[in-house]
Amino acid sequence: MALSKLAGELYQLYDHDKYSECQRLLPPLKMELIKHNLLVPVPSNSQTKDQLNDLKISERILEIGALLSLLTHDYAGFENFFASLRPFYTSSKLHGKLETNTDATKIIALYLLYLLSQGLISKFHVELETIYNSPSYNVEQDKYLNYPIDLERNLMEGNYIKIWKLLQNESSLPSKEFHLFTQTLINTLRFEIAKSIEKTNDSIPVSNCRTLLYFPQEQSDKAFEEALKQDLEVEDWEFKNGVIYFNTKKSQGAFTADNSSIISNVLDYAEQIESIV
């Protein structure tokens, strides 16, 4: 079957959210791309207008593959498709002018969000440096790229309440695919806050900890304890008579002014939240 016919079928199925049927089409489509030397843009296949159009078709197929991987929680597949898209996104023939809010910047932003959700901060910064050094993207004006950049900046600064608002406000999401990382990022946020609490306290009332970690106050202590141990792996936290006791063997000398400042900010935010509740 011709590439254009298969690609047209894939576009139609994807637009109608028929993801399992899309996945069935991807292997033969990739074979067609290999057969027509369209899996990677190189000088020999990017000279004429028709060749560039074929490469754009190839790029869109790979983008749908990446999005399908996310929608089906196949993160290894998403990484593989993103790796295949890199040569397309760095091609001056295909992305030679300053781009804003395109499918390319959406996929790149989703990859940044994936790295952030996995705690891969070093890889996040390497990727971000590449983006800023590229002449193809207008980062400051791009709603897709700005979302993960804002999240990471606030996470590093300890502005947890801003992160919470970004994650909870669905209208702030650049597109529906970004919602796929919300719960993982909420867990990442809670993990960072939990580390700060643990480093700056020997114990804390359960109700205060529940507020700091953005759990509902009506949740029982037992349910809260189970949620923390399942999602945050805080096995060394001891819950006793409405109080959480932390590992007393931790080195007091490891505390830093930065950590104290962060937890102070978090406690201030908690008081604001409690006053609202």
C-alpha atoms as a PDB file:
ATOM      1  CA  MET A   1       0.000   0.000   0.000  1.00  0.00           C
ATOM      2  CA  ALA A   2       1.362   3.459  -0.913  1.00  0.00           C
ATOM      3  CA  LEU A   3       2.822   5.667   1.814  1.00  0.00           C
ATOM      4  CA  SER A   4       0.383   8.518   1.199  1.00  0.00           C
ATOM      5  CA  LYS A   5      -2.638   6.209   1.490  1.00  0.00           C
ATOM      6  CA  LEU A   6      -1.376   4.630   4.715  1.00  0.00           C
ATOM      7  CA  ALA A   7      -0.509   8.055   6.146  1.00  0.00           C
ATOM      8  CA  GLY A   8      -3.959   9.401   5.290  1.00  0.00           C
ATOM      9  CA  GLU A   9      -5.569   6.452   7.046  1.00  0.00           C
ATOM     10  CA  LEU A  10      -3.377   7.035  10.113  1.00  0.00           C
ATOM     11  CA  TYR A  11      -4.315  10.737  10.282  1.00  0.00           C
ATOM     12  CA  GLN A  12      -8.016   9.916  10.092  1.00  0.00           C
ATOM     13  CA  LEU A  13      -7.856   7.212  12.763  1.00  0.00           C
ATOM     14  CA  TYR A  14      -5.845   9.458  15.090  1.00  0.00           C
ATOM     15  CA  ASP A  15      -8.297  12.343  14.683  1.00  0.00           C
ATOM     16  CA  HIS A  16     -11.093   9.939  15.738  1.00  0.00           C
ATOM     17  CA  ASP A  17      -9.130   8.688  18.793  1.00  0.00           C
ATOM     18  CA  LYS A  18      -8.869   5.138  17.425  1.00  0.00           C
ATOM     19  CA  TYR A  19      -5.503   4.552  19.034  1.00  0.00           C
ATOM     20  CA  SER A  20      -5.327   0.753  18.856  1.00  0.00           C
ATOM     21  CA  GLU A  21      -5.962   0.859  15.100  1.00  0.00           C
ATOM     22  CA  CYS A  22      -3.321   3.586  14.754  1.00  0.00           C
ATOM     23  CA  GLN A  23      -0.792   1.368  16.495  1.00  0.00           C
ATOM     24  CA  ARG A  24      -1.582  -1.404  14.034  1.00  0.00           C
ATOM     25  CA  LEU A  25      -0.677   0.900  11.153  1.00  0.00           C
ATOM     26  CA  LEU A  26       2.592   2.223  12.562  1.00  0.00           C
ATOM     27  CA  PRO A  27       4.842  -0.826  11.811  1.00  0.00           C
ATOM     28  CA  PRO A  28       3.954  -1.005   8.083  1.00  0.00           C
ATOM     29  CA  LEU A  29       4.257   2.776   7.879  1.00  0.00           C
ATOM     30  CA  LYS A  30       7.755   2.701   9.327  1.00  0.00           C
ATOM     31  CA  MET A  31       8.656   0.028   6.789  1.00  0.00           C
ATOM     32  CA  GLU A  32       7.423   2.327   4.024  1.00  0.00           C
ATOM     33  CA  LEU A  33       9.547   5.156   5.414  1.00  0.00           C
ATOM     34  CA  ILE A  34      12.616   2.922   5.396  1.00  0.00           C
ATOM     35  CA  LYS A  35      11.817   1.703   1.866  1.00  0.00           C
ATOM     36  CA  HIS A  36      11.554   5.286   0.587  1.00  0.00           C
ATOM     37  CA  ASN A  37      14.602   6.522   2.527  1.00  0.00           C
ATOM     38  CA  LEU A  38      12.459   8.884   4.618  1.00  0.00           C
ATOM     39  CA  LEU A  39      13.249   7.779   8.148  1.00  0.00           C
ATOM     40  CA  VAL A  40      16.047  10.354   8.511  1.00  0.00           C
ATOM     41  CA  PRO A  41      16.389  13.674   6.653  1.00  0.00           C
ATOM     42  CA  VAL A  42      19.757  13.862   4.859  1.00  0.00           C
ATOM     43  CA  PRO A  43      20.997  16.111   2.024  1.00  0.00           C
ATOM     44  CA  SER A  44      20.216  13.497  -0.625  1.00  0.00           C
ATOM     45  CA  ASN A  45      16.502  13.302   0.256  1.00  0.00           C
ATOM     46  CA  SER A  46      15.811  16.946   1.103  1.00  0.00           C
ATOM     47  CA  GLN A  47      16.562  18.836  -2.088  1.00  0.00           C
ATOM     48  CA  THR A  48      13.286  19.201  -3.958  1.00  0.00           C
ATOM     49  CA  LYS A  49       9.882  20.458  -2.853  1.00  0.00           C
ATOM     50  CA  ASP A  50       8.397  16.965  -3.269  1.00  0.00           C
ATOM     51  CA  GLN A  51      11.149  15.443  -1.128  1.00  0.00           C
ATOM     52  CA  LEU A  52      10.580  17.991   1.628  1.00  0.00           C
ATOM     53  CA  ASN A  53       6.849  17.315   1.487  1.00  0.00           C
ATOM     54  CA  ASP A  54       7.510  13.571   1.875  1.00  0.00           C
ATOM     55  CA  LEU A  55       9.750  14.295   4.859  1.00  0.00           C
ATOM     56  CA  LYS A  56       6.990  16.372   6.424  1.00  0.00           C
ATOM     57  CA  ILE A  57       4.667  13.372   6.041  1.00  0.00           C
ATOM     58  CA  SER A  58       7.314  11.187   7.673  1.00  0.00           C
ATOM     59  CA  GLU A  59       7.711  13.674  10.522  1.00  0.00           C
ATOM     60  CA  ARG A  60       3.965  13.740  11.158  1.00  0.00           C
ATOM     61  CA  ILE A  61       3.813   9.935  11.242  1.00  0.00           C
ATOM     62  CA  LEU A  62       6.572   9.882  13.879  1.00  0.00           C
ATOM     63  CA  GLU A  63       4.828  12.627  15.869  1.00  0.00           C
ATOM     64  CA  ILE A  64       1.601  10.625  15.948  1.00  0.00           C
ATOM     65  CA  GLY A  65       3.648   7.612  17.051  1.00  0.00           C
ATOM     66  CA  ALA A  66       5.132   9.682  19.900  1.00  0.00           C
ATOM     67  CA  LEU A  67       1.733  10.976  21.006  1.00  0.00           C
ATOM     68  CA  LEU A  68       0.212   7.498  20.803  1.00  0.00           C
ATOM     69  CA  SER A  69       2.993   6.199  23.030  1.00  0.00           C
ATOM     70  CA  LEU A  70       2.156   8.829  25.635  1.00  0.00           C
ATOM     71  CA  LEU A  71      -1.579   8.203  25.425  1.00  0.00           C
ATOM     72  CA  THR A  72      -1.002   4.472  25.980  1.00  0.00           C
ATOM     73  CA  HIS A  73       1.616   5.087  28.729  1.00  0.00           C
ATOM     74  CA  ASP A  74       4.401   3.533  26.651  1.00  0.00           C
ATOM     75  CA  TYR A  75       7.164   5.894  27.791  1.00  0.00           C
ATOM     76  CA  ALA A  76       9.992   3.817  26.317  1.00  0.00           C
ATOM     77  CA  GLY A  77       8.192   4.041  22.977  1.00  0.00           C
ATOM     78  CA  PHE A  78       7.838   7.800  23.421  1.00  0.00           C
ATOM     79  CA  GLU A  79      11.585   8.149  23.983  1.00  0.00           C
ATOM     80  CA  ASN A  80      12.292   6.098  20.858  1.00  0.00           C
ATOM     81  CA  PHE A  81       9.957   8.176  18.700  1.00  0.00           C
ATOM     82  CA  PHE A  82      11.415  11.392  20.093  1.00  0.00           C
ATOM     83  CA  ALA A  83      14.911  10.166  19.222  1.00  0.00           C
ATOM     84  CA  SER A  84      13.675   9.533  15.660  1.00  0.00           C
ATOM     85  CA  LEU A  85      12.217  13.050  15.515  1.00  0.00           C
ATOM     86  CA  ARG A  86      15.431  14.806  16.563  1.00  0.00           C
ATOM     87  CA  PRO A  87      16.977  14.851  13.049  1.00  0.00           C
ATOM     88  CA  PHE A  88      13.736  16.318  11.677  1.00  0.00           C
ATOM     89  CA  TYR A  89      13.519  19.043  14.327  1.00  0.00           C
ATOM     90  CA  THR A  90      17.172  20.031  13.826  1.00  0.00           C
ATOM     91  CA  SER A  91      16.909  20.124  10.019  1.00  0.00           C
ATOM     92  CA  SER A  92      17.192  23.693   8.722  1.00  0.00           C
ATOM     93  CA  LYS A  93      15.307  22.633   5.605  1.00  0.00           C
ATOM     94  CA  LEU A  94      12.263  21.523   7.627  1.00  0.00           C
ATOM     95  CA  HIS A  95      12.496  23.907  10.586  1.00  0.00           C
ATOM     96  CA  GLY A  96      14.537  26.806   9.366  1.00  0.00           C
ATOM     97  CA  LYS A  97      12.500  29.730  10.677  1.00  0.00           C
ATOM     98  CA  LEU A  98      11.575  30.841  14.182  1.00  0.00           C
ATOM     99  CA  GLU A  99       8.688  28.645  15.317  1.00  0.00           C
ATOM    100  CA  THR A 100       6.105  29.251  18.027  1.00  0.00           C
ATOM    101  CA  ASN A 101       3.344  26.929  19.276  1.00  0.00           C
ATOM    102  CA  THR A 102       3.824  24.265  16.605  1.00  0.00           C
ATOM    103  CA  ASP A 103       3.476  20.480  16.733  1.00  0.00           C
ATOM    104  CA  ALA A 104       7.268  20.321  16.992  1.00  0.00           C
ATOM    105  CA  THR A 105       7.437  22.560  20.068  1.00  0.00           C
ATOM    106  CA  LYS A 106       4.544  20.629  21.624  1.00  0.00           C
ATOM    107  CA  ILE A 107       6.388  17.313  21.267  1.00  0.00           C
ATOM    108  CA  ILE A 108       9.612  18.851  22.597  1.00  0.00           C
ATOM    109  CA  ALA A 109       7.743  20.342  25.572  1.00  0.00           C
ATOM    110  CA  LEU A 110       6.137  16.979  26.320  1.00  0.00           C
ATOM    111  CA  TYR A 111       9.589  15.406  26.295  1.00  0.00           C
ATOM    112  CA  LEU A 112      10.800  18.053  28.764  1.00  0.00           C
ATOM    113  CA  LEU A 113       7.775  17.326  30.927  1.00  0.00           C
ATOM    114  CA  TYR A 114       8.546  13.608  30.760  1.00  0.00           C
ATOM    115  CA  LEU A 115      12.130  14.226  31.937  1.00  0.00           C
ATOM    116  CA  LEU A 116      10.868  16.440  34.755  1.00  0.00           C
ATOM    117  CA  SER A 117       8.275  13.884  35.849  1.00  0.00           C
ATOM    118  CA  GLN A 118      11.013  11.215  36.031  1.00  0.00           C
ATOM    119  CA  GLY A 119      13.317  13.441  38.070  1.00  0.00           C
ATOM    120  CA  LEU A 120      15.888  13.518  35.244  1.00  0.00           C
ATOM    121  CA  ILE A 121      16.893  17.113  35.940  1.00  0.00           C
ATOM    122  CA  SER A 122      20.367  16.923  34.361  1.00  0.00           C
ATOM    123  CA  LYS A 123      18.940  15.610  31.087  1.00  0.00           C
ATOM    124  CA  PHE A 124      16.237  18.289  31.319  1.00  0.00           C
ATOM    125  CA  HIS A 125      18.877  21.029  31.448  1.00  0.00           C
ATOM    126  CA  VAL A 126      20.904  19.521  28.601  1.00  0.00           C
ATOM    127  CA  GLU A 127      17.759  19.436  26.464  1.00  0.00           C
ATOM    128  CA  LEU A 128      16.824  22.969  27.497  1.00  0.00           C
ATOM    129  CA  GLU A 129      20.260  24.312  26.566  1.00  0.00           C
ATOM    130  CA  THR A 130      19.904  22.743  23.122  1.00  0.00           C
ATOM    131  CA  ILE A 131      16.516  24.410  22.676  1.00  0.00           C
ATOM    132  CA  TYR A 132      17.752  27.851  23.736  1.00  0.00           C
ATOM    133  CA  ASN A 133      20.750  27.561  21.410  1.00  0.00           C
ATOM    134  CA  SER A 134      18.575  26.604  18.445  1.00  0.00           C
ATOM    135  CA  PRO A 135      17.617  29.343  15.968  1.00  0.00           C
ATOM    136  CA  SER A 136      14.382  27.503  15.190  1.00  0.00           C
ATOM    137  CA  TYR A 137      12.327  28.228  18.324  1.00  0.00           C
ATOM    138  CA  ASN A 138      10.980  31.360  19.951  1.00  0.00           C
ATOM    139  CA  VAL A 139      11.059  29.970  23.477  1.00  0.00           C
ATOM    140  CA  GLU A 140       9.748  33.028  25.312  1.00  0.00           C
ATOM    141  CA  GLN A 141       6.627  33.202  23.137  1.00  0.00           C
ATOM    142  CA  ASP A 142       5.887  29.477  23.029  1.00  0.00           C
ATOM    143  CA  LYS A 143       3.094  28.289  25.332  1.00  0.00           C
ATOM    144  CA  TYR A 144       4.166  24.651  25.038  1.00  0.00           C
ATOM    145  CA  LEU A 145       7.824  25.175  25.915  1.00  0.00           C
ATOM    146  CA  ASN A 146       7.082  27.667  28.679  1.00  0.00           C
ATOM    147  CA  TYR A 147       4.946  25.188  30.637  1.00  0.00           C
ATOM    148  CA  PRO A 148       7.707  22.689  31.607  1.00  0.00           C
ATOM    149  CA  ILE A 149      10.239  25.526  31.925  1.00  0.00           C
ATOM    150  CA  ASP A 150       8.007  27.337  34.440  1.00  0.00           C
ATOM    151  CA  LEU A 151       7.407  24.126  36.382  1.00  0.00           C
ATOM    152  CA  GLU A 152      11.112  23.311  36.631  1.00  0.00           C
ATOM    153  CA  ARG A 153      12.066  26.876  37.609  1.00  0.00           C
ATOM    154  CA  ASN A 154       9.510  26.972  40.406  1.00  0.00           C
ATOM    155  CA  LEU A 155      10.521  23.494  41.570  1.00  0.00           C
ATOM    156  CA  MET A 156      14.168  24.544  41.868  1.00  0.00           C
ATOM    157  CA  GLU A 157      13.188  27.745  43.703  1.00  0.00           C
ATOM    158  CA  GLY A 158      10.862  25.930  46.097  1.00  0.00           C
ATOM    159  CA  ASN A 159       7.803  27.864  44.901  1.00  0.00           C
ATOM    160  CA  TYR A 160       5.573  24.878  45.539  1.00  0.00           C
ATOM    161  CA  ILE A 161       2.272  26.719  45.683  1.00  0.00           C
ATOM    162  CA  LYS A 162       2.861  28.082  42.164  1.00  0.00           C
ATOM    163  CA  ILE A 163       3.549  24.557  40.912  1.00  0.00           C
ATOM    164  CA  TRP A 164       0.390  23.285  42.599  1.00  0.00           C
ATOM    165  CA  LYS A 165      -1.679  25.981  40.899  1.00  0.00           C
ATOM    166  CA  LEU A 166      -0.148  25.161  37.522  1.00  0.00           C
ATOM    167  CA  LEU A 167      -0.913  21.465  37.954  1.00  0.00           C
ATOM    168  CA  GLN A 168      -4.428  21.932  39.325  1.00  0.00           C
ATOM    169  CA  ASN A 169      -5.616  24.531  36.830  1.00  0.00           C
ATOM    170  CA  GLU A 170      -6.590  22.535  33.746  1.00  0.00           C
ATOM    171  CA  SER A 171      -7.132  25.725  31.769  1.00  0.00           C
ATOM    172  CA  SER A 172      -3.394  26.438  32.120  1.00  0.00           C
ATOM    173  CA  LEU A 173      -2.485  23.238  30.281  1.00  0.00           C
ATOM    174  CA  PRO A 174      -1.267  24.008  26.736  1.00  0.00           C
ATOM    175  CA  SER A 175      -3.003  20.902  25.318  1.00  0.00           C
ATOM    176  CA  LYS A 176      -4.772  17.747  26.491  1.00  0.00           C
ATOM    177  CA  GLU A 177      -1.625  15.610  26.287  1.00  0.00           C
ATOM    178  CA  PHE A 178       0.020  17.600  29.100  1.00  0.00           C
ATOM    179  CA  HIS A 179      -2.601  16.248  31.503  1.00  0.00           C
ATOM    180  CA  LEU A 180      -0.976  12.809  31.180  1.00  0.00           C
ATOM    181  CA  PHE A 181       1.885  13.949  33.434  1.00  0.00           C
ATOM    182  CA  THR A 182      -0.178  15.804  36.046  1.00  0.00           C
ATOM    183  CA  GLN A 183      -0.434  13.031  38.648  1.00  0.00           C
ATOM    184  CA  THR A 184       3.226  12.030  38.286  1.00  0.00           C
ATOM    185  CA  LEU A 185       4.267  15.667  38.677  1.00  0.00           C
ATOM    186  CA  ILE A 186       2.025  16.040  41.734  1.00  0.00           C
ATOM    187  CA  ASN A 187       3.868  13.076  43.264  1.00  0.00           C
ATOM    188  CA  THR A 188       7.198  14.703  42.323  1.00  0.00           C
ATOM    189  CA  LEU A 189       6.078  17.932  43.996  1.00  0.00           C
ATOM    190  CA  ARG A 190       4.996  16.075  47.126  1.00  0.00           C
ATOM    191  CA  PHE A 191       8.290  14.174  47.185  1.00  0.00           C
ATOM    192  CA  GLU A 192      10.291  17.424  47.095  1.00  0.00           C
ATOM    193  CA  ILE A 193       8.172  18.944  49.882  1.00  0.00           C
ATOM    194  CA  ALA A 194       8.456  15.748  51.937  1.00  0.00           C
ATOM    195  CA  LYS A 195      12.270  15.875  51.659  1.00  0.00           C
ATOM    196  CA  SER A 196      12.258  19.484  52.886  1.00  0.00           C
ATOM    197  CA  ILE A 197       9.950  18.664  55.793  1.00  0.00           C
ATOM    198  CA  GLU A 198      12.070  15.694  56.794  1.00  0.00           C
ATOM    199  CA  LYS A 199      15.322  17.661  56.662  1.00  0.00           C
ATOM    200  CA  THR A 200      14.062  20.533  58.818  1.00  0.00           C
ATOM    201  CA  ASN A 201      11.910  18.737  61.398  1.00  0.00           C
ATOM    202  CA  ASP A 202      12.212  15.891  63.865  1.00  0.00           C
ATOM    203  CA  SER A 203       8.428  15.510  63.958  1.00  0.00           C
ATOM    204  CA  ILE A 204       5.280  17.181  62.681  1.00  0.00           C
ATOM    205  CA  PRO A 205       1.537  16.806  63.377  1.00  0.00           C
ATOM    206  CA  VAL A 206      -0.158  14.639  60.764  1.00  0.00           C
ATOM    207  CA  SER A 207      -2.714  17.376  60.023  1.00  0.00           C
ATOM    208  CA  ASN A 208       0.050  19.903  59.261  1.00  0.00           C
ATOM    209  CA  CYS A 209       1.884  17.435  57.037  1.00  0.00           C
ATOM    210  CA  ARG A 210      -1.333  16.653  55.175  1.00  0.00           C
ATOM    211  CA  THR A 211      -1.787  20.375  54.440  1.00  0.00           C
ATOM    212  CA  LEU A 212       1.832  20.852  53.351  1.00  0.00           C
ATOM    213  CA  LEU A 213       1.595  17.933  50.945  1.00  0.00           C
ATOM    214  CA  TYR A 214      -1.725  19.082  49.483  1.00  0.00           C
ATOM    215  CA  PHE A 215      -3.807  16.141  50.670  1.00  0.00           C
ATOM    216  CA  PRO A 216      -7.465  16.692  51.669  1.00  0.00           C
ATOM    217  CA  GLN A 217      -7.936  17.338  55.391  1.00  0.00           C
ATOM    218  CA  GLU A 218     -10.917  14.984  55.514  1.00  0.00           C
ATOM    219  CA  GLN A 219      -8.624  12.070  54.622  1.00  0.00           C
ATOM    220  CA  SER A 220      -8.065   9.717  57.565  1.00  0.00           C
ATOM    221  CA  ASP A 221      -4.608   9.431  59.141  1.00  0.00           C
ATOM    222  CA  LYS A 222      -4.441   5.778  58.117  1.00  0.00           C
ATOM    223  CA  ALA A 223      -5.324   6.511  54.490  1.00  0.00           C
ATOM    224  CA  PHE A 224      -2.803   9.372  54.476  1.00  0.00           C
ATOM    225  CA  GLU A 225      -0.071   7.099  55.836  1.00  0.00           C
ATOM    226  CA  GLU A 226      -0.814   4.427  53.220  1.00  0.00           C
ATOM    227  CA  ALA A 227      -0.827   7.018  50.404  1.00  0.00           C
ATOM    228  CA  LEU A 228       2.552   8.384  51.501  1.00  0.00           C
ATOM    229  CA  LYS A 229       4.167   4.973  51.763  1.00  0.00           C
ATOM    230  CA  GLN A 230       2.798   3.914  48.377  1.00  0.00           C
ATOM    231  CA  ASP A 231       3.485   7.100  46.402  1.00  0.00           C
ATOM    232  CA  LEU A 232       6.449   8.658  48.222  1.00  0.00           C
ATOM    233  CA  GLU A 233       8.097   5.559  49.742  1.00  0.00           C
ATOM    234  CA  VAL A 234       8.529   7.140  53.181  1.00  0.00           C
ATOM    235  CA  GLU A 235       9.025   3.843  54.961  1.00  0.00           C
ATOM    236  CA  ASP A 236      11.122   5.403  57.750  1.00  0.00           C
ATOM    237  CA  TRP A 237       8.388   7.852  58.802  1.00  0.00           C
ATOM    238  CA  GLU A 238       6.727   6.756  62.041  1.00  0.00           C
ATOM    239  CA  PHE A 239       3.054   7.638  62.533  1.00  0.00           C
ATOM    240  CA  LYS A 240       2.095   7.722  66.215  1.00  0.00           C
ATOM    241  CA  ASN A 241      -0.797   9.421  68.059  1.00  0.00           C
ATOM    242  CA  GLY A 242      -1.423  12.004  65.347  1.00  0.00           C
ATOM    243  CA  VAL A 243       2.259  12.892  64.942  1.00  0.00           C
ATOM    244  CA  ILE A 244       4.823  11.881  62.295  1.00  0.00           C
ATOM    245  CA  TYR A 245       8.340  11.203  63.580  1.00  0.00           C
ATOM    246  CA  PHE A 246      11.226  11.314  61.130  1.00  0.00           C
ATOM    247  CA  ASN A 247      14.498   9.404  61.080  1.00  0.00           C
ATOM    248  CA  THR A 248      16.359  10.766  64.138  1.00  0.00           C
ATOM    249  CA  LYS A 249      19.684   9.410  62.837  1.00  0.00           C
ATOM    250  CA  LYS A 250      19.861  11.947  60.026  1.00  0.00           C
ATOM    251  CA  SER A 251      22.802  14.311  60.257  1.00  0.00           C
ATOM    252  CA  GLN A 252      21.863  17.696  61.670  1.00  0.00           C
ATOM    253  CA  GLY A 253      24.988  19.139  60.016  1.00  0.00           C
ATOM    254  CA  ALA A 254      23.495  18.414  56.630  1.00  0.00           C
ATOM    255  CA  PHE A 255      20.812  21.089  57.089  1.00  0.00           C
ATOM    256  CA  THR A 256      21.352  24.168  54.957  1.00  0.00           C
ATOM    257  CA  ALA A 257      20.038  27.694  54.969  1.00  0.00           C
ATOM    258  CA  ASP A 258      18.388  26.999  51.620  1.00  0.00           C
ATOM    259  CA  ASN A 259      16.390  24.093  53.038  1.00  0.00           C
ATOM    260  CA  SER A 260      15.316  26.192  56.027  1.00  0.00           C
ATOM    261  CA  SER A 261      14.196  28.957  53.703  1.00  0.00           C
ATOM    262  CA  ILE A 262      12.236  26.527  51.531  1.00  0.00           C
ATOM    263  CA  ILE A 263      10.395  24.922  54.429  1.00  0.00           C
ATOM    264  CA  SER A 264       9.650  28.363  55.869  1.00  0.00           C
ATOM    265  CA  ASN A 265       8.019  29.334  52.583  1.00  0.00           C
ATOM    266  CA  VAL A 266       6.056  26.091  52.518  1.00  0.00           C
ATOM    267  CA  LEU A 267       4.789  26.645  56.071  1.00  0.00           C
ATOM    268  CA  ASP A 268       3.703  30.177  55.160  1.00  0.00           C
ATOM    269  CA  TYR A 269       1.802  28.786  52.174  1.00  0.00           C
ATOM    270  CA  ALA A 270       0.225  26.146  54.397  1.00  0.00           C
ATOM    271  CA  GLU A 271      -1.099  28.822  56.754  1.00  0.00           C
ATOM    272  CA  GLN A 272      -2.644  30.595  53.776  1.00  0.00           C
ATOM    273  CA  ILE A 273      -4.251  27.369  52.586  1.00  0.00           C
ATOM    274  CA  GLU A 274      -5.605  26.595  56.067  1.00  0.00           C
ATOM    275  CA  SER A 275      -7.134  30.076  56.314  1.00  0.00           C
ATOM    276  CA  ILE A 276      -8.876  29.522  52.985  1.00  0.00           C
ATOM    277  CA  VAL A 277     -10.128  26.057  53.996  1.00  0.00           C
END
